[in-house]
């Protein structure tokens, strides 16, 4: 049995709440440039600013303050920032530039823009035997930061998904058009890969007369804890996909929903149910992989932890968050590792003069790559503290244990020193072991050995009104596994935002150009984005399957909601429209488009 489809992913506008902006200050006597820039990548911004301006890197300071969202669109360096710097140098006074919203829509990178011709083969009993794709990926007018890597690495390497698919062939073509360049946008290639897989699964289930859940369950990769090779050449880290599927189905009471759906159809009520099981490649690294595919740099991360004599702690990180909550998460990691109160830990980021080199925050790599760097720096300090405590307590180092912020002699818990005692002594440094340097700080550079692979199951329930095509998203359940969770509240928040963002292209969003290359959706009046009242409460649940590939067992979470939600909502709508004779629609599924399709089906 073979099913086929042509899927069009609309071009999307990232639409961060804060548009791009920069302030440049040139200190001519010193030959120093300071650039305040809402970038996701301050260290790379400094490097490229040096290349463009000719100013030595050590004379450039890039500061990325609290950034009002980015979603990938603020990872590249744009001409606007460089022109601002040149103007400041020319005028000899500070210069500020902020793009308007319409400029943002036209000049800041776009996302998605795929045309996919896809087919899936299976046996009559529902065992998948192969997947074939021909994908035309819009590049825009010219290449940007990761334009070529998105449809190839981040998209093409996700064709296995959560399923055991023995044969996969993908042909991917980049297409230049006279439009804004396409680059990193939340999910970046993986929503498109998940969409084609999950859409084909529903089409195949329809063809075979199977429940879509039963078809997915039949083809899921079995549970594994320490690596699973898939045919595209990746090694997944850990996964228990069926547990996530069962949790979502049980929570939403799937069998009862199907009964309610059948009953409702007999009374003119058209409910639809969409189910998606996904896997995501994220935690971008390792450096050798990045180098091998032509990235031109490593994808490691760094952290410096410094204790002051008072026991207060600064954590300097190479990543630069823009809404992911790393200030909280990384402080918790230090608190857990070293037993210090979380309120005594301050995380500092986004200033190239005081933070160690890092590669930025995108691709769900903040906690997955930056977090282990913080943990390993903490453990370096713990080891130094152990040696100093042994000296102060006049005990052998191997007899020193550490728990809840206290070093003590094994079997004699009263013989102890707190980590604050150790920090004071290390900084005052008048009674140190021979050969130990003063100070209590450590720096770590962490290069992951593999990607991380979060996974999960999402379920959407929609109602479609056949009289006007209106779609009401009634329920949305998201079960996600991002390994060990550092902060469950932040995890849930990331999923909420991702689901909202991923629902956008399913129902409302899409950038439109006319035949002359003029952007027609150049403002919020023309480019609708989801608002809170359009969405139900997002019901978030989770499983925890630690990754064996990093010391914290963590995986990424920032993009999972976006990766799963577009196709989940789309499949739910198409499921609702099935008894009305509508089998094919392109995104976004606007009310007008749905109503017209229903009328055409009636006429047929």
Protein backbone atom coordinates (compact mmCIF):
# COMPACT_ATOMS: atom_id res chain seq x y z
CA UNK A 1 0.00 0.00 0.00
CA UNK A 2 1.35 3.43 -0.94
CA UNK A 3 -0.07 6.81 0.08
CA UNK A 4 1.06 10.13 -1.37
CA UNK A 5 0.61 13.80 -0.64
CA UNK A 6 1.92 17.22 -1.57
CA UNK A 7 2.38 19.42 1.47
CA UNK A 8 2.93 23.16 1.33
CA UNK A 9 4.40 24.79 4.42
CA UNK A 10 3.64 28.50 4.34
CA UNK A 11 6.43 31.00 4.76
CA UNK A 12 6.30 32.32 8.34
CA UNK A 13 7.40 35.53 10.04
CA UNK A 14 9.05 35.00 13.48
CA UNK A 15 7.42 38.18 14.88
CA UNK A 16 9.28 38.54 18.19
CA UNK A 17 7.65 41.03 20.54
CA UNK A 18 10.79 43.21 20.33
CA UNK A 19 12.02 44.09 16.86
CA UNK A 20 15.75 44.21 16.13
CA UNK A 21 17.57 47.16 17.65
CA UNK A 22 21.11 48.36 18.28
CA UNK A 23 22.97 51.17 20.01
CA UNK A 24 26.59 51.82 19.06
CA UNK A 25 29.10 53.98 20.92
CA UNK A 26 32.56 54.73 19.50
CA UNK A 27 35.37 55.86 21.82
CA UNK A 28 37.76 57.26 19.23
CA UNK A 29 40.81 57.97 21.46
CA UNK A 30 40.82 54.33 22.58
CA UNK A 31 39.61 52.89 19.28
CA UNK A 32 36.88 51.01 21.17
CA UNK A 33 33.39 50.15 19.97
CA UNK A 34 30.53 49.17 22.28
CA UNK A 35 27.48 47.66 20.60
CA UNK A 36 24.28 47.05 22.55
CA UNK A 37 22.39 44.61 20.38
CA UNK A 38 19.40 42.33 21.02
CA UNK A 39 21.17 39.35 19.51
CA UNK A 40 20.93 35.68 20.43
CA UNK A 41 24.65 35.33 19.76
CA UNK A 42 26.80 38.15 21.24
CA UNK A 43 30.20 36.45 20.90
CA UNK A 44 29.67 35.61 17.23
CA UNK A 45 28.30 39.12 16.73
CA UNK A 46 31.57 40.53 18.13
CA UNK A 47 33.64 38.31 15.83
CA UNK A 48 31.68 39.29 12.72
CA UNK A 49 31.66 42.96 13.72
CA UNK A 50 35.45 42.77 13.85
CA UNK A 51 35.55 41.18 10.40
CA UNK A 52 33.26 43.84 8.90
CA UNK A 53 34.69 46.95 10.60
CA UNK A 54 38.32 45.95 10.87
CA UNK A 55 38.35 46.78 14.58
CA UNK A 56 40.29 44.17 16.62
CA UNK A 57 38.01 41.93 18.66
CA UNK A 58 39.53 42.98 21.97
CA UNK A 59 38.45 46.54 21.16
CA UNK A 60 34.82 45.54 20.60
CA UNK A 61 32.30 44.94 23.36
CA UNK A 62 28.90 43.48 22.49
CA UNK A 63 26.20 43.64 25.15
CA UNK A 64 22.95 41.74 24.68
CA UNK A 65 20.63 42.92 27.47
CA UNK A 66 17.31 41.30 28.27
CA UNK A 67 16.08 40.36 24.80
CA UNK A 68 12.38 40.45 23.95
CA UNK A 69 12.22 37.16 22.10
CA UNK A 70 14.05 35.92 19.06
CA UNK A 71 12.84 32.47 17.97
CA UNK A 72 16.00 32.14 15.87
CA UNK A 73 15.50 35.38 13.95
CA UNK A 74 18.11 37.21 16.05
CA UNK A 75 20.82 34.58 15.68
CA UNK A 76 22.37 36.05 12.49
CA UNK A 77 24.14 39.40 12.29
CA UNK A 78 22.31 41.84 10.01
CA UNK A 79 23.40 44.92 8.04
CA UNK A 80 21.41 47.19 10.37
CA UNK A 81 23.70 46.54 13.32
CA UNK A 82 26.82 47.10 11.23
CA UNK A 83 25.49 50.32 9.71
CA UNK A 84 24.69 51.56 13.22
CA UNK A 85 28.29 50.90 14.24
CA UNK A 86 29.68 52.67 11.16
CA UNK A 87 27.43 55.68 11.78
CA UNK A 88 28.65 55.95 15.37
CA UNK A 89 32.27 55.81 14.20
CA UNK A 90 31.64 58.41 11.48
CA UNK A 91 29.69 60.84 13.67
CA UNK A 92 31.74 60.38 16.82
CA UNK A 93 28.63 60.05 18.98
CA UNK A 94 26.28 57.25 20.06
CA UNK A 95 23.77 56.11 17.44
CA UNK A 96 20.58 54.13 18.04
CA UNK A 97 18.61 52.20 15.44
CA UNK A 98 15.35 50.28 15.89
CA UNK A 99 13.50 48.65 13.03
CA UNK A 100 9.79 49.24 12.64
CA UNK A 101 7.38 46.33 12.65
CA UNK A 102 6.93 46.55 8.89
CA UNK A 103 10.71 46.59 8.42
CA UNK A 104 10.88 43.56 10.68
CA UNK A 105 8.38 41.72 8.51
CA UNK A 106 10.31 42.54 5.34
CA UNK A 107 13.97 42.35 6.39
CA UNK A 108 14.28 40.04 9.39
CA UNK A 109 14.56 36.43 8.29
CA UNK A 110 11.52 34.24 7.62
CA UNK A 111 10.93 30.56 8.34
CA UNK A 112 9.57 27.32 6.81
CA UNK A 113 8.54 27.76 3.10
CA UNK A 114 8.67 24.12 1.96
CA UNK A 115 6.90 22.28 -0.82
CA UNK A 116 7.04 18.54 -0.11
CA UNK A 117 6.10 15.68 -2.42
CA UNK A 118 5.98 12.67 -0.11
CA UNK A 119 4.95 9.04 -0.17
CA UNK A 120 4.89 6.21 2.36
CA UNK A 121 4.66 2.48 1.70
CA UNK A 122 3.40 -0.18 4.10
CA UNK A 123 2.17 -3.73 4.24
CA UNK A 124 -1.56 -4.45 4.44
CA UNK A 125 -1.24 -5.09 8.17
CA UNK A 126 0.22 -1.62 8.74
CA UNK A 127 3.97 -2.17 8.92
CA UNK A 128 5.79 0.74 7.27
CA UNK A 129 8.31 -0.36 4.64
CA UNK A 130 9.53 2.93 3.22
CA UNK A 131 9.39 6.71 2.98
CA UNK A 132 10.30 8.86 -0.01
CA UNK A 133 10.40 12.65 -0.22
CA UNK A 134 11.17 15.33 -2.77
CA UNK A 135 11.40 18.67 -0.98
CA UNK A 136 11.79 22.15 -2.46
CA UNK A 137 12.96 24.47 0.31
CA UNK A 138 12.70 28.21 -0.19
CA UNK A 139 15.98 29.97 0.54
CA UNK A 140 14.87 33.52 -0.18
CA UNK A 141 17.03 35.83 -2.27
CA UNK A 142 20.31 34.73 -0.71
CA UNK A 143 21.70 32.44 1.96
CA UNK A 144 21.72 33.46 5.59
CA UNK A 145 23.28 31.87 8.69
CA UNK A 146 21.88 28.33 8.59
CA UNK A 147 19.78 28.39 5.42
CA UNK A 148 21.29 25.26 3.88
CA UNK A 149 21.49 23.32 7.15
CA UNK A 150 17.80 23.60 7.95
CA UNK A 151 16.30 21.51 5.11
CA UNK A 152 19.22 19.06 5.15
CA UNK A 153 20.51 18.40 8.67
CA UNK A 154 17.63 19.60 10.83
CA UNK A 155 14.91 18.43 8.44
CA UNK A 156 16.27 15.51 6.43
CA UNK A 157 17.82 13.77 9.43
CA UNK A 158 14.43 13.71 11.15
CA UNK A 159 12.71 11.48 8.58
CA UNK A 160 12.74 8.45 10.89
CA UNK A 161 10.79 10.22 13.60
CA UNK A 162 9.68 7.87 16.36
CA UNK A 163 9.16 4.99 13.95
CA UNK A 164 11.03 1.95 12.70
CA UNK A 165 11.22 2.80 8.99
CA UNK A 166 13.66 0.51 7.17
CA UNK A 167 13.98 2.45 3.91
CA UNK A 168 14.13 6.23 3.49
CA UNK A 169 15.05 8.31 0.47
CA UNK A 170 15.00 12.09 0.43
CA UNK A 171 15.83 14.53 -2.35
CA UNK A 172 16.08 18.09 -1.08
CA UNK A 173 16.49 21.14 -3.30
CA UNK A 174 17.16 24.71 -2.24
CA UNK A 175 15.28 27.27 -4.34
CA UNK A 176 16.23 30.94 -4.57
CA UNK A 177 13.38 33.44 -4.90
CA UNK A 178 13.20 37.24 -4.75
CA UNK A 179 12.01 37.18 -1.16
CA UNK A 180 13.38 37.61 2.36
CA UNK A 181 15.96 34.93 3.27
CA UNK A 182 14.72 31.88 5.15
CA UNK A 183 16.68 30.81 8.21
CA UNK A 184 16.31 29.67 11.81
CA UNK A 185 12.77 29.89 13.13
CA UNK A 186 11.60 27.99 16.19
CA UNK A 187 11.82 24.33 15.23
CA UNK A 188 13.80 25.02 12.03
CA UNK A 189 13.18 22.08 9.70
CA UNK A 190 11.89 19.68 12.32
CA UNK A 191 8.25 20.86 12.26
CA UNK A 192 8.27 20.26 8.50
CA UNK A 193 9.73 16.75 8.94
CA UNK A 194 7.28 15.88 11.71
CA UNK A 195 4.43 17.21 9.62
CA UNK A 196 5.11 15.03 6.60
CA UNK A 197 5.54 11.91 8.74
CA UNK A 198 2.44 12.44 10.82
CA UNK A 199 0.29 13.51 7.89
CA UNK A 200 1.30 10.38 5.99
CA UNK A 201 0.52 8.26 9.05
CA UNK A 202 -3.06 9.57 9.08
CA UNK A 203 -3.43 9.07 5.32
CA UNK A 204 -2.06 5.55 5.61
CA UNK A 205 -4.41 4.75 8.49
CA UNK A 206 -7.35 5.95 6.38
CA UNK A 207 -6.21 3.81 3.45
CA UNK A 208 -5.83 0.71 5.63
CA UNK A 209 -9.00 1.29 7.65
CA UNK A 210 -6.97 1.41 10.88
CA UNK A 211 -7.23 3.71 13.85
CA UNK A 212 -4.36 6.23 13.48
CA UNK A 213 -3.21 5.46 17.02
CA UNK A 214 -3.01 1.73 16.30
CA UNK A 215 -0.91 2.39 13.20
CA UNK A 216 1.49 4.57 15.14
CA UNK A 217 1.77 2.06 17.97
CA UNK A 218 2.53 -0.73 15.51
CA UNK A 219 5.54 1.15 14.12
CA UNK A 220 7.00 2.81 17.22
CA UNK A 221 10.65 2.18 18.07
CA UNK A 222 10.70 0.04 21.26
CA UNK A 223 12.00 1.46 24.53
CA UNK A 224 15.78 1.99 24.74
CA UNK A 225 18.01 3.58 27.38
CA UNK A 226 21.44 3.92 25.81
CA UNK A 227 21.31 4.56 22.10
CA UNK A 228 19.28 3.44 19.11
CA UNK A 229 20.50 3.68 15.52
CA UNK A 230 18.02 4.82 12.88
CA UNK A 231 18.37 4.44 9.14
CA UNK A 232 19.16 8.11 8.49
CA UNK A 233 22.44 7.65 10.36
CA UNK A 234 21.61 9.15 13.75
CA UNK A 235 21.90 7.48 17.14
CA UNK A 236 19.00 8.51 19.36
CA UNK A 237 20.04 8.85 23.00
CA UNK A 238 17.09 7.38 24.95
CA UNK A 239 13.38 6.98 24.47
CA UNK A 240 10.18 5.36 25.62
CA UNK A 241 7.74 6.56 23.00
CA UNK A 242 4.85 4.26 23.84
CA UNK A 243 4.69 5.48 27.44
CA UNK A 244 4.26 9.07 26.24
CA UNK A 245 1.61 7.95 23.74
CA UNK A 246 -0.34 6.06 26.40
CA UNK A 247 -0.14 8.94 28.86
CA UNK A 248 -1.60 11.38 26.34
CA UNK A 249 -4.36 9.00 25.24
CA UNK A 250 -5.34 8.12 28.80
CA UNK A 251 -5.36 11.74 29.89
CA UNK A 252 -7.64 12.84 27.08
CA UNK A 253 -9.74 9.63 27.24
CA UNK A 254 -9.17 8.83 23.59
CA UNK A 255 -11.58 5.92 23.27
CA UNK A 256 -14.42 7.97 24.73
CA UNK A 257 -13.57 10.81 22.35
CA UNK A 258 -13.88 8.50 19.37
CA UNK A 259 -17.28 7.33 20.62
CA UNK A 260 -18.39 10.94 21.12
CA UNK A 261 -17.14 11.77 17.64
CA UNK A 262 -19.15 8.98 16.06
CA UNK A 263 -22.27 10.00 17.96
CA UNK A 264 -21.81 13.68 17.08
CA UNK A 265 -21.45 13.03 13.37
CA UNK A 266 -24.90 11.54 13.37
CA UNK A 267 -26.24 14.83 14.73
CA UNK A 268 -24.34 17.28 12.51
CA UNK A 269 -21.51 17.88 14.98
CA UNK A 270 -18.07 17.57 13.41
CA UNK A 271 -15.36 16.91 15.96
CA UNK A 272 -11.83 16.07 14.87
CA UNK A 273 -8.98 14.40 16.76
CA UNK A 274 -5.32 14.79 15.85
CA UNK A 275 -2.51 12.71 17.35
CA UNK A 276 1.21 13.27 16.81
CA UNK A 277 4.14 11.26 18.09
CA UNK A 278 7.40 13.10 17.50
CA UNK A 279 11.15 13.01 18.11
CA UNK A 280 13.33 16.11 17.91
CA UNK A 281 17.03 16.46 17.15
CA UNK A 282 18.35 19.31 19.30
CA UNK A 283 21.07 20.45 21.67
CA UNK A 284 23.10 21.57 18.68
CA UNK A 285 26.66 20.24 18.75
CA UNK A 286 28.83 18.17 18.68
CA UNK A 287 31.62 20.34 17.29
CA UNK A 288 33.09 17.62 15.07
CA UNK A 289 29.71 17.15 13.42
CA UNK A 290 29.30 20.90 12.97
CA UNK A 291 32.74 21.12 11.39
CA UNK A 292 32.19 18.12 9.14
CA UNK A 293 29.04 19.62 7.61
CA UNK A 294 30.69 22.97 6.94
CA UNK A 295 29.39 25.02 9.86
CA UNK A 296 32.79 26.65 10.23
CA UNK A 297 32.96 26.47 14.01
CA UNK A 298 32.34 24.33 17.05
CA UNK A 299 29.12 24.16 19.01
CA UNK A 300 30.49 23.74 22.52
CA UNK A 301 29.46 25.91 25.46
CA UNK A 302 31.22 27.41 28.45
CA UNK A 303 30.65 28.55 32.01
CA UNK A 304 32.69 30.24 34.72
CA UNK A 305 31.58 30.02 38.35
CA UNK A 306 33.13 32.43 40.84
CA UNK A 307 32.66 32.36 44.61
CA UNK A 308 33.30 35.57 46.50
CA UNK A 309 34.65 35.60 50.08
CA UNK A 310 31.11 36.14 51.40
CA UNK A 311 29.92 32.92 49.76
CA UNK A 312 27.89 34.68 47.08
CA UNK A 313 28.23 33.26 43.57
CA UNK A 314 28.40 34.61 40.04
CA UNK A 315 27.86 32.30 37.08
CA UNK A 316 29.15 33.68 33.78
CA UNK A 317 27.73 31.80 30.80
CA UNK A 318 28.54 31.77 27.10
CA UNK A 319 24.94 31.28 26.02
CA UNK A 320 22.69 34.31 25.76
CA UNK A 321 19.04 33.58 26.60
CA UNK A 322 16.11 35.50 25.19
CA UNK A 323 13.21 34.12 27.19
CA UNK A 324 14.25 30.56 28.07
CA UNK A 325 14.72 31.22 31.79
CA UNK A 326 18.40 30.27 31.95
CA UNK A 327 18.97 32.81 34.73
CA UNK A 328 16.75 30.62 36.91
CA UNK A 329 17.65 27.19 35.54
CA UNK A 330 21.41 27.66 35.71
CA UNK A 331 21.18 29.10 39.22
CA UNK A 332 19.27 25.96 40.22
CA UNK A 333 21.96 23.74 38.71
CA UNK A 334 24.65 25.49 40.78
CA UNK A 335 22.46 25.32 43.86
CA UNK A 336 21.85 21.59 43.38
CA UNK A 337 25.48 20.79 42.63
CA UNK A 338 27.07 22.90 45.38
CA UNK A 339 24.38 23.18 48.02
CA UNK A 340 24.25 26.98 48.06
CA UNK A 341 20.95 28.86 48.34
CA UNK A 342 19.62 29.66 44.89
CA UNK A 343 19.12 33.29 45.91
CA UNK A 344 22.90 33.56 46.46
CA UNK A 345 23.57 32.72 42.81
CA UNK A 346 23.51 35.36 40.07
CA UNK A 347 23.74 34.30 36.42
CA UNK A 348 25.42 36.81 34.11
CA UNK A 349 25.17 36.58 30.35
CA UNK A 350 25.25 38.61 27.18
CA UNK A 351 28.38 40.72 27.75
CA UNK A 352 31.43 39.75 25.73
CA UNK A 353 33.79 41.64 28.06
CA UNK A 354 32.98 39.51 31.09
CA UNK A 355 31.47 36.21 29.90
CA UNK A 356 33.39 33.31 28.36
CA UNK A 357 33.08 32.55 24.67
CA UNK A 358 29.92 30.74 23.67
CA UNK A 359 27.92 29.93 20.56
CA UNK A 360 24.53 31.33 21.48
CA UNK A 361 21.05 30.13 22.28
CA UNK A 362 19.08 28.42 19.50
CA UNK A 363 18.23 24.87 18.49
CA UNK A 364 17.12 24.00 22.06
CA UNK A 365 20.75 23.97 23.15
CA UNK A 366 20.67 26.35 26.13
CA UNK A 367 20.14 23.81 28.91
CA UNK A 368 21.19 20.78 26.85
CA UNK A 369 24.68 22.18 26.15
CA UNK A 370 25.08 25.20 28.42
CA UNK A 371 23.60 23.39 31.44
CA UNK A 372 26.24 20.62 31.50
CA UNK A 373 28.96 23.28 31.24
CA UNK A 374 27.59 24.88 34.41
CA UNK A 375 27.33 21.49 36.14
CA UNK A 376 30.90 20.49 35.25
CA UNK A 377 32.27 23.83 36.44
CA UNK A 378 30.40 23.25 39.71
CA UNK A 379 31.99 19.83 40.05
CA UNK A 380 35.44 21.28 39.46
CA UNK A 381 34.83 23.60 42.39
CA UNK A 382 33.55 20.74 44.49
CA UNK A 383 36.78 18.84 43.85
CA UNK A 384 38.90 21.84 44.81
CA UNK A 385 36.76 22.40 47.88
CA UNK A 386 37.24 18.78 48.87
CA UNK A 387 41.02 19.12 48.72
CA UNK A 388 40.99 22.35 50.72
CA UNK A 389 38.58 20.91 53.29
CA UNK A 390 40.85 17.91 53.77
CA UNK A 391 43.74 20.27 54.46
CA UNK A 392 41.75 22.38 56.94
CA UNK A 393 40.25 19.36 58.71
CA UNK A 394 43.57 17.52 58.74
CA UNK A 395 42.09 14.48 57.02
CA UNK A 396 42.86 12.46 53.92
CA UNK A 397 41.11 13.79 50.83
CA UNK A 398 39.57 10.40 50.12
CA UNK A 399 37.90 10.56 53.55
CA UNK A 400 36.10 13.82 52.77
CA UNK A 401 32.46 13.64 51.72
CA UNK A 402 30.23 16.39 50.44
CA UNK A 403 26.51 16.82 50.99
CA UNK A 404 24.10 19.75 51.12
CA UNK A 405 26.81 22.39 50.93
CA UNK A 406 29.02 20.86 53.60
CA UNK A 407 32.35 19.03 53.46
CA UNK A 408 32.81 16.58 56.34
CA UNK A 409 35.02 13.69 57.42
CA UNK A 410 33.44 10.33 56.70
CA UNK A 411 32.05 8.93 59.94
CA UNK A 412 32.54 12.25 61.76
CA UNK A 413 29.92 14.69 60.48
CA UNK A 414 30.80 17.18 63.23
CA UNK A 415 34.20 17.66 61.61
CA UNK A 416 33.02 19.82 58.74
CA UNK A 417 33.37 22.99 56.72
CA UNK A 418 30.59 24.66 54.76
CA UNK A 419 31.25 25.63 51.18
CA UNK A 420 31.03 29.25 52.36
CA UNK A 421 33.90 28.52 54.79
CA UNK A 422 35.87 27.05 51.91
CA UNK A 423 35.13 30.04 49.66
CA UNK A 424 36.33 32.44 52.35
CA UNK A 425 39.54 30.52 52.95
CA UNK A 426 40.25 30.04 49.23
CA UNK A 427 39.87 33.77 48.60
CA UNK A 428 41.80 34.91 51.68
CA UNK A 429 44.33 32.16 50.94
CA UNK A 430 46.52 32.25 54.04
CA UNK A 431 46.28 28.54 54.87
CA UNK A 432 46.26 26.63 51.59
CA UNK A 433 47.60 23.18 50.68
CA UNK A 434 50.94 23.22 48.95
CA UNK A 435 50.55 23.87 45.23
CA UNK A 436 46.92 25.04 45.41
CA UNK A 437 46.26 28.43 43.83
CA UNK A 438 44.19 31.08 45.62
CA UNK A 439 40.65 31.85 44.53
CA UNK A 440 37.52 29.76 44.27
CA UNK A 441 36.37 29.75 40.69
CA UNK A 442 36.33 27.36 37.76
CA UNK A 443 35.76 27.49 34.01
CA UNK A 444 34.54 24.62 31.85
CA UNK A 445 34.11 24.22 28.12
CA UNK A 446 31.63 21.47 27.32
CA UNK A 447 31.37 19.82 23.91
CA UNK A 448 28.47 17.33 23.73
CA UNK A 449 29.24 13.87 22.34
CA UNK A 450 25.86 13.70 20.59
CA UNK A 451 22.64 15.58 20.02
CA UNK A 452 19.80 15.12 22.47
CA UNK A 453 16.44 13.74 21.36
CA UNK A 454 13.37 14.87 23.30
CA UNK A 455 10.12 13.23 22.29
CA UNK A 456 6.45 13.09 23.11
CA UNK A 457 2.85 12.80 22.01
CA UNK A 458 0.42 15.65 21.43
CA UNK A 459 -3.35 15.38 20.97
CA UNK A 460 -5.70 18.08 19.70
CA UNK A 461 -9.50 18.14 19.65
CA UNK A 462 -11.30 20.58 17.36
CA UNK A 463 -14.87 21.36 16.36
CA UNK A 464 -15.64 22.55 12.83
CA UNK A 465 -18.84 24.44 12.04
CA UNK A 466 -19.87 23.39 8.50
CA UNK A 467 -22.07 26.47 8.08
CA UNK A 468 -19.20 28.95 8.21
CA UNK A 469 -15.98 26.92 8.37
CA UNK A 470 -15.11 28.18 11.84
CA UNK A 471 -12.63 26.01 13.73
CA UNK A 472 -12.69 25.88 17.51
CA UNK A 473 -9.68 24.32 19.20
CA UNK A 474 -11.38 22.66 22.16
CA UNK A 475 -8.56 20.79 23.90
CA UNK A 476 -4.83 20.37 23.54
CA UNK A 477 -2.81 17.81 25.49
CA UNK A 478 0.98 17.79 25.31
CA UNK A 479 3.08 15.00 26.80
CA UNK A 480 6.77 15.82 26.39
CA UNK A 481 9.96 14.14 27.57
CA UNK A 482 12.98 16.43 27.84
CA UNK A 483 15.00 14.13 30.04
CA UNK A 484 15.66 15.32 33.56
CA UNK A 485 13.69 18.48 34.28
CA UNK A 486 15.55 21.22 36.13
CA UNK A 487 12.51 23.50 36.47
CA UNK A 488 9.11 21.99 35.57
CA UNK A 489 7.40 25.40 35.54
CA UNK A 490 9.79 26.67 32.87
CA UNK A 491 9.34 23.43 30.93
CA UNK A 492 5.57 23.88 30.91
CA UNK A 493 5.93 27.52 29.90
CA UNK A 494 8.13 26.63 26.96
CA UNK A 495 5.61 24.01 25.79
CA UNK A 496 2.71 26.48 26.12
CA UNK A 497 4.47 29.06 23.98
CA UNK A 498 5.59 26.50 21.44
CA UNK A 499 2.11 25.06 21.01
CA UNK A 500 0.66 28.52 20.46
CA UNK A 501 3.34 29.34 17.91
CA UNK A 502 2.94 26.04 16.09
CA UNK A 503 -0.83 26.37 15.93
CA UNK A 504 -0.41 29.66 14.05
CA UNK A 505 0.51 28.24 10.62
CA UNK A 506 -2.03 25.44 10.94
CA UNK A 507 -4.95 27.85 11.24
CA UNK A 508 -3.97 31.46 10.54
CA UNK A 509 -0.40 32.38 9.60
CA UNK A 510 1.30 32.65 6.23
CA UNK A 511 3.43 35.32 4.57
CA UNK A 512 2.18 36.21 1.09
CA UNK A 513 4.03 37.87 -1.79
CA UNK A 514 2.53 39.08 -5.04
CA UNK A 515 3.92 38.09 -8.44
CA UNK A 516 6.31 41.07 -8.36
CA UNK A 517 7.88 40.08 -5.05
CA UNK A 518 5.98 42.64 -2.98
CA UNK A 519 5.18 41.44 0.56
CA UNK A 520 1.42 41.70 1.02
CA UNK A 521 1.36 40.63 4.68
CA UNK A 522 3.56 43.47 5.87
CA UNK A 523 1.87 44.31 9.16
CA UNK A 524 -0.06 42.73 12.00
CA UNK A 525 -3.26 43.80 10.25
CA UNK A 526 -2.42 41.45 7.38
CA UNK A 527 -0.49 38.72 9.18
CA UNK A 528 -2.66 37.16 11.90
CA UNK A 529 -0.96 35.47 14.84
CA UNK A 530 -2.69 33.44 17.56
CA UNK A 531 -3.94 35.33 20.59
CA UNK A 532 -4.69 33.93 24.00
CA UNK A 533 -8.46 33.83 23.54
CA UNK A 534 -8.06 31.70 20.40
CA UNK A 535 -6.45 28.85 22.32
CA UNK A 536 -7.68 26.49 25.03
CA UNK A 537 -5.75 25.77 28.19
CA UNK A 538 -2.71 23.75 27.14
CA UNK A 539 -2.73 20.59 29.26
CA UNK A 540 0.93 19.71 29.84
CA UNK A 541 2.22 16.41 31.17
CA UNK A 542 5.64 14.82 31.01
CA UNK A 543 7.71 11.70 31.29
CA UNK A 544 11.41 11.70 32.22
CA UNK A 545 13.87 9.59 30.25
CA UNK A 546 17.34 10.96 31.06
CA UNK A 547 19.82 11.37 28.24
CA UNK A 548 22.95 9.25 28.77
CA UNK A 549 24.98 11.70 26.68
CA UNK A 550 25.43 14.56 29.16
CA UNK A 551 26.15 14.77 32.89
CA UNK A 552 22.74 16.20 33.76
CA UNK A 553 20.61 13.83 31.68
CA UNK A 554 18.82 16.83 30.18
CA UNK A 555 17.35 17.36 26.71
CA UNK A 556 15.96 20.45 25.01
CA UNK A 557 12.38 21.65 25.39
CA UNK A 558 12.08 25.11 23.79
CA UNK A 559 10.95 23.91 20.37
CA UNK A 560 8.97 20.73 21.06
CA UNK A 561 5.61 22.48 21.21
CA UNK A 562 6.16 24.10 17.82
CA UNK A 563 7.41 20.88 16.25
CA UNK A 564 4.37 18.83 17.25
CA UNK A 565 1.47 21.27 17.29
CA UNK A 566 1.19 22.32 13.63
CA UNK A 567 0.47 18.85 12.30
CA UNK A 568 -1.51 17.84 15.40
CA UNK A 569 -4.00 20.66 14.86
CA UNK A 570 -3.99 20.19 11.07
CA UNK A 571 -4.73 16.46 11.36
CA UNK A 572 -7.52 17.18 13.84
CA UNK A 573 -9.21 19.55 11.40
CA UNK A 574 -8.87 17.13 8.50
CA UNK A 575 -10.28 14.37 10.70
CA UNK A 576 -13.32 16.55 11.40
CA UNK A 577 -13.78 17.29 7.69
CA UNK A 578 -13.50 13.68 6.56
CA UNK A 579 -17.26 12.84 6.68
CA UNK A 580 -17.93 16.07 4.77
CA UNK A 581 -15.87 14.81 1.85
CA UNK A 582 -12.92 17.20 2.29
CA UNK A 583 -9.64 15.30 2.00
CA UNK A 584 -7.07 17.91 0.95
CA UNK A 585 -6.40 21.49 2.06
CA UNK A 586 -3.28 23.64 2.26
CA UNK A 587 -2.30 25.59 5.35
CA UNK A 588 -3.37 27.83 6.88
CA UNK A 589 -6.82 26.34 7.40
CA UNK A 590 -8.72 29.61 7.55
CA UNK A 591 -12.47 29.60 8.05
CA UNK A 592 -13.04 30.87 4.51
CA UNK A 593 -10.86 28.15 3.01
CA UNK A 594 -12.58 25.44 5.04
CA UNK A 595 -16.07 26.72 4.17
CA UNK A 596 -15.26 26.86 0.46
CA UNK A 597 -13.89 23.30 0.57
CA UNK A 598 -17.08 22.08 2.23
CA UNK A 599 -19.21 23.79 -0.42
CA UNK A 600 -17.12 22.29 -3.22
CA UNK A 601 -17.41 18.84 -1.66
CA UNK A 602 -21.18 19.25 -1.48
CA UNK A 603 -21.28 20.24 -5.14
CA UNK A 604 -19.22 17.23 -6.12
